[in-house]
N, C-alpha and C. Protein backbone atom coordinates (compact mmCIF):
# COMPACT_ATOMS: atom_id res chain seq x y z
N MET A 1 11.67 76.74 -13.65
CA MET A 1 10.98 75.55 -13.19
C MET A 1 11.00 74.49 -14.28
N LEU A 2 11.28 73.29 -13.91
CA LEU A 2 11.35 72.17 -14.83
C LEU A 2 9.96 71.81 -15.34
N LYS A 3 9.83 71.57 -16.66
CA LYS A 3 8.56 71.18 -17.25
C LYS A 3 8.75 69.93 -18.09
N ALA A 4 7.76 69.07 -18.06
CA ALA A 4 7.80 67.86 -18.86
C ALA A 4 7.66 68.21 -20.34
N GLY A 5 8.23 67.35 -21.20
CA GLY A 5 8.06 67.52 -22.63
C GLY A 5 9.13 68.35 -23.31
N ARG A 6 10.27 68.50 -22.66
CA ARG A 6 11.35 69.31 -23.23
C ARG A 6 12.70 68.60 -23.06
N PHE A 7 13.65 69.01 -23.86
CA PHE A 7 15.02 68.58 -23.69
C PHE A 7 15.71 69.55 -22.74
N TYR A 8 16.56 69.00 -21.89
CA TYR A 8 17.32 69.81 -20.94
C TYR A 8 18.77 69.35 -20.91
N GLU A 9 19.64 70.29 -20.59
CA GLU A 9 21.02 69.96 -20.26
C GLU A 9 20.99 69.60 -18.78
N LEU A 10 21.40 68.36 -18.47
CA LEU A 10 21.32 67.87 -17.10
C LEU A 10 22.69 67.39 -16.63
N VAL A 11 22.92 67.49 -15.33
CA VAL A 11 24.18 67.06 -14.72
C VAL A 11 23.95 65.74 -14.00
N VAL A 12 24.85 64.80 -14.21
CA VAL A 12 24.79 63.52 -13.50
C VAL A 12 25.17 63.77 -12.04
N ARG A 13 24.23 63.45 -11.13
CA ARG A 13 24.49 63.63 -9.71
C ARG A 13 25.07 62.35 -9.10
N GLU A 14 24.37 61.21 -9.34
CA GLU A 14 24.82 59.94 -8.77
C GLU A 14 24.10 58.78 -9.44
N ARG A 15 24.57 57.57 -9.15
CA ARG A 15 23.89 56.35 -9.55
C ARG A 15 23.23 55.77 -8.32
N ASN A 16 22.02 55.20 -8.50
CA ASN A 16 21.38 54.48 -7.41
C ASN A 16 20.63 53.27 -7.98
N TYR A 17 19.82 52.63 -7.17
CA TYR A 17 19.13 51.41 -7.62
C TYR A 17 18.14 51.66 -8.75
N LYS A 18 17.64 52.89 -8.90
CA LYS A 18 16.70 53.20 -9.98
C LYS A 18 17.40 53.50 -11.30
N GLY A 19 18.62 53.97 -11.21
CA GLY A 19 19.35 54.36 -12.42
C GLY A 19 20.31 55.48 -12.11
N ILE A 20 20.30 56.50 -12.96
CA ILE A 20 21.16 57.67 -12.76
C ILE A 20 20.30 58.84 -12.33
N VAL A 21 20.70 59.48 -11.24
CA VAL A 21 20.00 60.66 -10.75
C VAL A 21 20.63 61.88 -11.42
N LEU A 22 19.78 62.68 -12.05
CA LEU A 22 20.22 63.87 -12.76
C LEU A 22 19.63 65.11 -12.09
N GLU A 23 20.25 66.25 -12.35
CA GLU A 23 19.68 67.51 -11.87
C GLU A 23 19.84 68.57 -12.94
N SER A 24 18.96 69.56 -12.86
CA SER A 24 18.95 70.65 -13.81
C SER A 24 19.41 71.93 -13.13
N GLU A 25 20.13 72.77 -13.85
CA GLU A 25 20.52 74.07 -13.29
C GLU A 25 19.28 74.91 -13.04
N GLU A 26 18.22 74.71 -13.84
CA GLU A 26 16.99 75.48 -13.69
C GLU A 26 16.25 75.16 -12.40
N ASP A 27 16.38 73.91 -11.92
CA ASP A 27 15.65 73.47 -10.74
C ASP A 27 16.48 72.42 -10.02
N PRO A 28 17.58 72.82 -9.36
CA PRO A 28 18.52 71.86 -8.78
C PRO A 28 17.95 71.00 -7.65
N ASP A 29 16.83 71.39 -7.06
CA ASP A 29 16.24 70.61 -5.97
C ASP A 29 15.40 69.44 -6.47
N VAL A 30 15.14 69.38 -7.77
CA VAL A 30 14.32 68.32 -8.33
C VAL A 30 15.22 67.23 -8.90
N SER A 31 14.95 65.98 -8.48
CA SER A 31 15.70 64.84 -9.01
C SER A 31 15.00 64.30 -10.25
N ILE A 32 15.81 64.00 -11.24
CA ILE A 32 15.31 63.43 -12.50
C ILE A 32 16.00 62.08 -12.65
N ILE A 33 15.23 61.05 -12.91
CA ILE A 33 15.81 59.71 -13.00
C ILE A 33 15.95 59.28 -14.45
N LEU A 34 17.14 58.85 -14.81
CA LEU A 34 17.39 58.18 -16.08
C LEU A 34 17.40 56.69 -15.73
N PRO A 35 16.30 55.96 -16.05
CA PRO A 35 16.17 54.57 -15.60
C PRO A 35 17.36 53.70 -15.97
N ARG A 36 17.68 52.78 -15.06
CA ARG A 36 18.84 51.91 -15.21
C ARG A 36 18.86 51.20 -16.56
N ALA A 37 17.69 50.75 -17.03
CA ALA A 37 17.61 50.02 -18.30
C ALA A 37 18.07 50.87 -19.49
N HIS A 38 18.00 52.20 -19.36
CA HIS A 38 18.36 53.09 -20.46
C HIS A 38 19.59 53.94 -20.16
N ALA A 39 20.24 53.67 -19.02
CA ALA A 39 21.37 54.50 -18.59
C ALA A 39 22.70 53.94 -19.10
N PRO A 40 23.43 54.72 -19.88
CA PRO A 40 24.74 54.27 -20.33
C PRO A 40 25.69 54.06 -19.14
N LYS A 41 26.50 53.04 -19.22
CA LYS A 41 27.43 52.72 -18.13
C LYS A 41 28.56 53.74 -18.00
N TYR A 42 28.85 54.46 -19.08
CA TYR A 42 30.00 55.36 -19.08
C TYR A 42 29.75 56.68 -18.36
N LEU A 43 28.51 57.00 -18.01
CA LEU A 43 28.24 58.30 -17.39
C LEU A 43 28.74 58.34 -15.95
N GLU A 44 29.43 59.42 -15.63
CA GLU A 44 30.00 59.60 -14.30
C GLU A 44 29.45 60.88 -13.67
N PRO A 45 29.41 60.95 -12.34
CA PRO A 45 28.95 62.17 -11.66
C PRO A 45 29.70 63.41 -12.16
N GLY A 46 28.94 64.47 -12.36
CA GLY A 46 29.49 65.73 -12.85
C GLY A 46 29.40 65.91 -14.35
N GLU A 47 29.16 64.82 -15.09
CA GLU A 47 29.05 64.92 -16.54
C GLU A 47 27.74 65.60 -16.93
N LEU A 48 27.78 66.28 -18.06
CA LEU A 48 26.62 66.98 -18.60
C LEU A 48 26.05 66.17 -19.76
N ILE A 49 24.73 65.95 -19.76
CA ILE A 49 24.06 65.25 -20.87
C ILE A 49 22.82 66.02 -21.28
N THR A 50 22.38 65.78 -22.50
CA THR A 50 21.11 66.33 -22.98
C THR A 50 20.10 65.19 -22.98
N ALA A 51 18.96 65.42 -22.31
CA ALA A 51 17.95 64.37 -22.20
C ALA A 51 16.56 64.97 -22.29
N TYR A 52 15.64 64.14 -22.77
CA TYR A 52 14.23 64.51 -22.84
C TYR A 52 13.59 64.16 -21.51
N VAL A 53 12.82 65.07 -20.94
CA VAL A 53 12.23 64.88 -19.62
C VAL A 53 10.71 64.80 -19.72
N PHE A 54 10.14 63.81 -19.03
CA PHE A 54 8.68 63.66 -18.98
C PHE A 54 8.29 63.15 -17.60
N LEU A 55 6.99 63.12 -17.29
CA LEU A 55 6.50 62.63 -16.01
C LEU A 55 6.01 61.19 -16.14
N ASN A 56 6.30 60.38 -15.13
CA ASN A 56 5.77 59.02 -15.13
C ASN A 56 4.43 58.98 -14.39
N ASP A 57 3.89 57.79 -14.16
CA ASP A 57 2.60 57.64 -13.49
C ASP A 57 2.60 58.18 -12.07
N GLU A 58 3.76 58.16 -11.42
CA GLU A 58 3.86 58.66 -10.05
C GLU A 58 4.21 60.15 -9.99
N LYS A 59 4.16 60.81 -11.15
CA LYS A 59 4.47 62.23 -11.28
C LYS A 59 5.92 62.55 -10.93
N GLU A 60 6.81 61.58 -11.19
CA GLU A 60 8.24 61.79 -11.03
C GLU A 60 8.82 62.18 -12.39
N PHE A 61 9.83 63.04 -12.38
CA PHE A 61 10.50 63.39 -13.62
C PHE A 61 11.40 62.25 -14.04
N ILE A 62 11.24 61.81 -15.29
CA ILE A 62 12.02 60.74 -15.87
C ILE A 62 12.73 61.31 -17.10
N ALA A 63 13.97 60.88 -17.30
CA ALA A 63 14.74 61.32 -18.45
C ALA A 63 14.98 60.16 -19.40
N THR A 64 15.12 60.48 -20.66
CA THR A 64 15.50 59.48 -21.65
C THR A 64 16.43 60.14 -22.66
N LEU A 65 17.30 59.33 -23.21
CA LEU A 65 18.19 59.83 -24.25
C LEU A 65 17.60 59.61 -25.63
N GLN A 66 16.40 59.00 -25.68
CA GLN A 66 15.71 58.77 -26.95
C GLN A 66 15.06 60.06 -27.44
N GLU A 67 14.90 60.14 -28.75
CA GLU A 67 14.23 61.27 -29.38
C GLU A 67 12.78 60.89 -29.65
N PRO A 68 11.81 61.61 -29.09
CA PRO A 68 10.42 61.29 -29.39
C PRO A 68 10.06 61.69 -30.82
N LYS A 69 8.99 61.08 -31.35
CA LYS A 69 8.53 61.42 -32.70
C LYS A 69 7.94 62.82 -32.75
N ALA A 70 7.50 63.32 -31.59
CA ALA A 70 6.93 64.67 -31.50
C ALA A 70 7.20 65.22 -30.11
N HIS A 71 7.23 66.54 -30.02
CA HIS A 71 7.49 67.21 -28.75
C HIS A 71 6.23 67.93 -28.29
N LEU A 72 6.24 68.37 -27.06
CA LEU A 72 5.14 69.14 -26.51
C LEU A 72 4.83 70.31 -27.45
N GLY A 73 3.56 70.43 -27.86
CA GLY A 73 3.15 71.50 -28.76
C GLY A 73 3.18 71.13 -30.23
N ASP A 74 3.78 70.00 -30.58
CA ASP A 74 3.89 69.57 -31.97
C ASP A 74 2.63 68.86 -32.45
N LEU A 75 2.40 68.95 -33.76
CA LEU A 75 1.41 68.12 -34.45
C LEU A 75 2.14 66.90 -34.98
N ALA A 76 1.49 65.74 -34.89
CA ALA A 76 2.11 64.52 -35.42
C ALA A 76 1.03 63.51 -35.75
N THR A 77 1.31 62.69 -36.74
CA THR A 77 0.44 61.56 -37.04
C THR A 77 1.07 60.35 -36.37
N LEU A 78 0.34 59.79 -35.40
CA LEU A 78 0.85 58.69 -34.60
C LEU A 78 -0.06 57.47 -34.72
N LYS A 79 0.54 56.30 -34.58
CA LYS A 79 -0.20 55.04 -34.70
C LYS A 79 -0.76 54.61 -33.34
N VAL A 80 -2.02 54.16 -33.35
CA VAL A 80 -2.66 53.64 -32.15
C VAL A 80 -2.09 52.24 -31.88
N THR A 81 -1.54 52.06 -30.67
CA THR A 81 -0.96 50.76 -30.30
C THR A 81 -1.89 49.95 -29.41
N GLY A 82 -2.88 50.61 -28.84
CA GLY A 82 -3.83 49.91 -27.98
C GLY A 82 -4.96 50.84 -27.58
N VAL A 83 -6.07 50.23 -27.17
CA VAL A 83 -7.25 50.99 -26.76
C VAL A 83 -7.77 50.40 -25.46
N SER A 84 -8.16 51.28 -24.53
CA SER A 84 -8.77 50.82 -23.28
C SER A 84 -10.09 51.57 -23.10
N HIS A 85 -10.78 51.29 -22.02
CA HIS A 85 -12.04 51.99 -21.77
C HIS A 85 -11.81 53.46 -21.40
N ASN A 86 -10.56 53.85 -21.09
CA ASN A 86 -10.24 55.23 -20.75
C ASN A 86 -9.70 56.06 -21.92
N GLY A 87 -9.23 55.39 -22.96
CA GLY A 87 -8.65 56.11 -24.09
C GLY A 87 -7.78 55.23 -24.94
N ALA A 88 -6.91 55.88 -25.71
CA ALA A 88 -6.05 55.17 -26.65
C ALA A 88 -4.58 55.43 -26.31
N PHE A 89 -3.74 54.48 -26.70
CA PHE A 89 -2.30 54.60 -26.51
C PHE A 89 -1.65 54.73 -27.87
N LEU A 90 -0.71 55.66 -27.98
CA LEU A 90 -0.08 55.98 -29.26
C LEU A 90 1.43 55.78 -29.20
N ASP A 91 2.00 55.34 -30.31
CA ASP A 91 3.44 55.17 -30.42
C ASP A 91 4.05 56.52 -30.76
N TRP A 92 4.82 57.06 -29.81
CA TRP A 92 5.51 58.33 -30.05
C TRP A 92 7.01 58.17 -29.95
N GLY A 93 7.47 56.90 -30.06
CA GLY A 93 8.89 56.62 -30.09
C GLY A 93 9.57 56.61 -28.74
N MET A 94 8.79 56.56 -27.67
CA MET A 94 9.35 56.56 -26.32
C MET A 94 9.11 55.20 -25.67
N PRO A 95 9.81 54.92 -24.55
CA PRO A 95 9.63 53.62 -23.90
C PRO A 95 8.18 53.35 -23.50
N LYS A 96 7.45 54.37 -23.09
CA LYS A 96 6.06 54.21 -22.70
C LYS A 96 5.19 54.95 -23.72
N GLU A 97 4.06 54.33 -24.10
CA GLU A 97 3.18 54.94 -25.09
C GLU A 97 2.56 56.24 -24.57
N LEU A 98 2.15 57.07 -25.50
CA LEU A 98 1.49 58.34 -25.19
C LEU A 98 -0.01 58.07 -25.05
N PHE A 99 -0.61 58.60 -24.01
CA PHE A 99 -2.02 58.38 -23.74
C PHE A 99 -2.86 59.50 -24.35
N MET A 100 -4.00 59.12 -24.95
CA MET A 100 -4.99 60.08 -25.44
C MET A 100 -6.32 59.71 -24.79
N PRO A 101 -6.73 60.45 -23.73
CA PRO A 101 -7.98 60.15 -23.05
C PRO A 101 -9.18 60.24 -23.99
N ASN A 102 -10.23 59.50 -23.67
CA ASN A 102 -11.44 59.49 -24.51
C ASN A 102 -11.96 60.89 -24.81
N GLU A 103 -11.94 61.78 -23.83
CA GLU A 103 -12.50 63.12 -24.03
C GLU A 103 -11.64 63.99 -24.94
N TYR A 104 -10.51 63.46 -25.41
CA TYR A 104 -9.62 64.22 -26.28
C TYR A 104 -9.57 63.67 -27.71
N HIS A 105 -10.52 62.79 -28.07
CA HIS A 105 -10.53 62.31 -29.46
C HIS A 105 -11.94 62.10 -29.96
N PHE A 106 -12.05 61.97 -31.29
CA PHE A 106 -13.33 61.75 -31.96
C PHE A 106 -13.59 60.26 -32.10
N GLY A 107 -14.81 59.84 -31.89
CA GLY A 107 -15.24 58.49 -32.26
C GLY A 107 -14.40 57.35 -31.74
N GLU A 108 -14.61 56.20 -32.34
CA GLU A 108 -13.93 54.98 -31.93
C GLU A 108 -12.57 54.86 -32.62
N LEU A 109 -11.60 54.40 -31.88
CA LEU A 109 -10.27 54.14 -32.44
C LEU A 109 -9.95 52.66 -32.28
N GLU A 110 -9.17 52.14 -33.21
CA GLU A 110 -8.75 50.75 -33.15
C GLU A 110 -7.24 50.67 -33.28
N LYS A 111 -6.68 49.61 -32.73
CA LYS A 111 -5.25 49.37 -32.85
C LYS A 111 -4.87 49.39 -34.34
N GLY A 112 -3.81 50.11 -34.67
CA GLY A 112 -3.35 50.23 -36.06
C GLY A 112 -3.81 51.51 -36.74
N ASP A 113 -4.85 52.18 -36.20
CA ASP A 113 -5.28 53.46 -36.76
C ASP A 113 -4.16 54.48 -36.64
N GLU A 114 -4.14 55.43 -37.57
CA GLU A 114 -3.23 56.56 -37.47
C GLU A 114 -4.05 57.81 -37.26
N VAL A 115 -3.63 58.65 -36.29
CA VAL A 115 -4.39 59.84 -35.94
C VAL A 115 -3.49 61.06 -35.90
N LEU A 116 -4.04 62.18 -36.37
CA LEU A 116 -3.34 63.45 -36.28
C LEU A 116 -3.63 64.04 -34.91
N VAL A 117 -2.59 64.29 -34.14
CA VAL A 117 -2.75 64.79 -32.78
C VAL A 117 -1.78 65.93 -32.50
N LYS A 118 -2.07 66.64 -31.44
CA LYS A 118 -1.15 67.63 -30.90
C LYS A 118 -0.77 67.16 -29.50
N LEU A 119 0.50 67.27 -29.16
CA LEU A 119 0.94 66.92 -27.83
C LEU A 119 0.75 68.12 -26.91
N ILE A 120 0.00 67.90 -25.86
CA ILE A 120 -0.31 68.97 -24.91
C ILE A 120 -0.01 68.51 -23.49
N GLU A 121 -0.02 69.46 -22.57
CA GLU A 121 0.12 69.15 -21.16
C GLU A 121 -1.28 69.02 -20.58
N HIS A 122 -1.56 67.91 -19.92
CA HIS A 122 -2.87 67.72 -19.31
C HIS A 122 -3.04 68.78 -18.22
N PRO A 123 -4.17 69.49 -18.21
CA PRO A 123 -4.33 70.62 -17.28
C PRO A 123 -4.25 70.23 -15.80
N GLU A 124 -4.62 69.02 -15.45
CA GLU A 124 -4.59 68.62 -14.05
C GLU A 124 -3.33 67.86 -13.66
N THR A 125 -2.96 66.85 -14.46
CA THR A 125 -1.83 65.99 -14.09
C THR A 125 -0.48 66.55 -14.52
N LYS A 126 -0.49 67.48 -15.47
CA LYS A 126 0.73 68.07 -16.05
C LYS A 126 1.54 67.07 -16.87
N ARG A 127 0.98 65.88 -17.11
CA ARG A 127 1.64 64.89 -17.96
C ARG A 127 1.37 65.22 -19.42
N ILE A 128 2.24 64.74 -20.30
CA ILE A 128 2.06 64.95 -21.73
C ILE A 128 1.01 63.96 -22.22
N ILE A 129 0.01 64.47 -22.92
CA ILE A 129 -1.01 63.63 -23.53
C ILE A 129 -1.20 64.07 -24.97
N ALA A 130 -1.98 63.30 -25.71
CA ALA A 130 -2.31 63.67 -27.09
C ALA A 130 -3.76 64.13 -27.15
N THR A 131 -4.03 65.05 -28.06
CA THR A 131 -5.40 65.46 -28.33
C THR A 131 -5.64 65.49 -29.83
N GLU A 132 -6.81 65.02 -30.20
CA GLU A 132 -7.24 65.07 -31.59
C GLU A 132 -8.16 66.27 -31.81
N LEU A 133 -8.54 66.93 -30.73
CA LEU A 133 -9.46 68.07 -30.77
C LEU A 133 -8.66 69.34 -31.00
N LEU A 134 -8.53 69.72 -32.23
CA LEU A 134 -7.65 70.83 -32.60
C LEU A 134 -8.39 72.12 -32.93
N ASP A 135 -9.70 72.12 -32.89
CA ASP A 135 -10.46 73.31 -33.28
C ASP A 135 -10.08 74.55 -32.47
N GLU A 136 -9.73 74.38 -31.21
CA GLU A 136 -9.35 75.51 -30.36
C GLU A 136 -7.90 75.95 -30.59
N GLU A 137 -7.13 75.11 -31.23
CA GLU A 137 -5.70 75.35 -31.38
C GLU A 137 -5.34 76.33 -32.50
N PHE A 138 -6.20 76.44 -33.49
CA PHE A 138 -5.89 77.27 -34.65
C PHE A 138 -6.99 78.28 -34.85
N ASN A 139 -6.63 79.44 -35.38
CA ASN A 139 -7.65 80.45 -35.64
C ASN A 139 -7.37 81.16 -36.95
N ASN A 140 -8.38 81.81 -37.45
CA ASN A 140 -8.26 82.56 -38.70
C ASN A 140 -8.46 84.05 -38.46
N ASN A 141 -8.26 84.50 -37.22
CA ASN A 141 -8.45 85.91 -36.90
C ASN A 141 -7.43 86.79 -37.62
N GLU A 142 -6.18 86.38 -37.60
CA GLU A 142 -5.12 87.13 -38.27
C GLU A 142 -4.42 86.17 -39.23
N ILE A 143 -4.87 86.13 -40.45
CA ILE A 143 -4.31 85.20 -41.42
C ILE A 143 -3.03 85.77 -42.01
N GLU A 144 -1.98 84.99 -41.93
CA GLU A 144 -0.66 85.40 -42.39
C GLU A 144 -0.35 84.76 -43.73
N LEU A 145 -1.18 85.01 -44.72
CA LEU A 145 -1.01 84.43 -46.04
C LEU A 145 -1.18 85.50 -47.11
N ALA A 146 -0.47 85.33 -48.20
CA ALA A 146 -0.63 86.21 -49.36
C ALA A 146 -1.30 85.40 -50.47
N GLU A 147 -2.00 86.10 -51.36
CA GLU A 147 -2.66 85.43 -52.47
C GLU A 147 -1.63 84.69 -53.32
N LYS A 148 -1.95 83.45 -53.70
CA LYS A 148 -1.13 82.55 -54.51
C LYS A 148 0.17 82.11 -53.81
N GLU A 149 0.23 82.32 -52.52
CA GLU A 149 1.39 81.85 -51.75
C GLU A 149 1.33 80.33 -51.63
N SER A 150 2.45 79.69 -51.74
CA SER A 150 2.54 78.25 -51.56
C SER A 150 2.42 77.95 -50.07
N VAL A 151 1.61 76.97 -49.71
CA VAL A 151 1.37 76.66 -48.31
C VAL A 151 1.55 75.16 -48.03
N GLU A 152 1.74 74.83 -46.78
CA GLU A 152 1.78 73.44 -46.33
C GLU A 152 0.39 73.10 -45.79
N LEU A 153 -0.18 72.00 -46.28
CA LEU A 153 -1.50 71.58 -45.82
C LEU A 153 -1.39 70.23 -45.11
N ILE A 154 -2.11 70.13 -44.01
CA ILE A 154 -2.24 68.85 -43.31
C ILE A 154 -3.73 68.56 -43.25
N VAL A 155 -4.14 67.42 -43.80
CA VAL A 155 -5.55 67.05 -43.76
C VAL A 155 -5.89 66.68 -42.33
N TYR A 156 -6.88 67.38 -41.78
CA TYR A 156 -7.27 67.19 -40.38
C TYR A 156 -8.39 66.18 -40.25
N ARG A 157 -9.50 66.42 -40.94
CA ARG A 157 -10.60 65.46 -40.90
C ARG A 157 -11.61 65.75 -42.00
N LYS A 158 -12.43 64.75 -42.27
CA LYS A 158 -13.46 64.84 -43.30
C LYS A 158 -14.72 65.47 -42.72
N THR A 159 -15.32 66.39 -43.48
CA THR A 159 -16.59 67.01 -43.08
C THR A 159 -17.62 66.75 -44.18
N LYS A 160 -18.80 67.28 -44.01
CA LYS A 160 -19.86 67.12 -45.02
C LYS A 160 -19.52 67.83 -46.32
N LEU A 161 -18.74 68.92 -46.24
CA LEU A 161 -18.42 69.72 -47.42
C LEU A 161 -17.10 69.35 -48.09
N GLY A 162 -16.21 68.74 -47.32
CA GLY A 162 -14.89 68.42 -47.86
C GLY A 162 -13.94 68.06 -46.73
N TYR A 163 -12.67 68.37 -46.92
CA TYR A 163 -11.67 68.06 -45.91
C TYR A 163 -11.22 69.32 -45.20
N LYS A 164 -11.32 69.31 -43.88
CA LYS A 164 -10.79 70.40 -43.08
C LYS A 164 -9.28 70.22 -43.04
N VAL A 165 -8.55 71.28 -43.33
CA VAL A 165 -7.10 71.21 -43.38
C VAL A 165 -6.48 72.25 -42.46
N ILE A 166 -5.26 71.97 -42.06
CA ILE A 166 -4.48 72.92 -41.28
C ILE A 166 -3.47 73.53 -42.24
N ILE A 167 -3.45 74.85 -42.29
CA ILE A 167 -2.59 75.58 -43.22
C ILE A 167 -1.39 76.14 -42.47
N ASN A 168 -0.21 75.74 -42.91
CA ASN A 168 1.05 76.22 -42.32
C ASN A 168 1.10 76.08 -40.80
N LYS A 169 0.40 75.09 -40.27
CA LYS A 169 0.35 74.80 -38.83
C LYS A 169 -0.15 75.98 -38.01
N LYS A 170 -0.97 76.86 -38.67
CA LYS A 170 -1.46 78.06 -37.98
C LYS A 170 -2.95 78.29 -38.15
N HIS A 171 -3.50 77.91 -39.30
CA HIS A 171 -4.88 78.26 -39.63
C HIS A 171 -5.65 77.04 -40.12
N PHE A 172 -6.98 77.15 -40.08
CA PHE A 172 -7.84 76.12 -40.66
C PHE A 172 -8.31 76.56 -42.04
N GLY A 173 -8.56 75.60 -42.90
CA GLY A 173 -9.14 75.84 -44.21
C GLY A 173 -10.01 74.65 -44.57
N LEU A 174 -10.66 74.74 -45.72
CA LEU A 174 -11.52 73.66 -46.18
C LEU A 174 -11.25 73.40 -47.65
N LEU A 175 -10.92 72.16 -47.94
CA LEU A 175 -10.80 71.72 -49.34
C LEU A 175 -12.14 71.07 -49.70
N HIS A 176 -12.92 71.78 -50.52
CA HIS A 176 -14.23 71.27 -50.89
C HIS A 176 -14.09 70.02 -51.76
N PHE A 177 -15.03 69.11 -51.64
CA PHE A 177 -15.00 67.90 -52.46
C PHE A 177 -14.98 68.26 -53.94
N SER A 178 -15.59 69.40 -54.30
CA SER A 178 -15.66 69.81 -55.70
C SER A 178 -14.32 70.36 -56.20
N ASP A 179 -13.40 70.67 -55.30
CA ASP A 179 -12.07 71.17 -55.71
C ASP A 179 -11.25 70.01 -56.16
């Protein structure tokens, strides 16, 4: 079954007024549109291309040949490009900004802010959204670290005791202000 937020090998089926109609071997009954504005003129029916697939507002599968700054499941620091009463819009390198609903972020955001987010699938709409609420995403139940091991740290947010960090994109830790 085709899922938004992934790259797929797709076959050019035809050209129409919307752009190029593509299909996937995984789900040949589903049409994927590569919009005319982004469709290379050289593509012919039967050709195979690699494209990133996502859902638009009408829940149609849309393809792009652009590389997003982050993929479904990735952590990324993205810039806020706009704010509405429903949430914030983030630049993820795609033609349309990535939406982060109000219930998926902390506090007030302003245009120009940079936020650490994870790209997830919205449970109801199945569209790709961003979330700043990462506490459920990482756990320390089974820590895969050795003493004095070099680790990658991502500063997540400031707390009363110090900075909450993500360790090796798997665990949470705390860098105390006194450290």
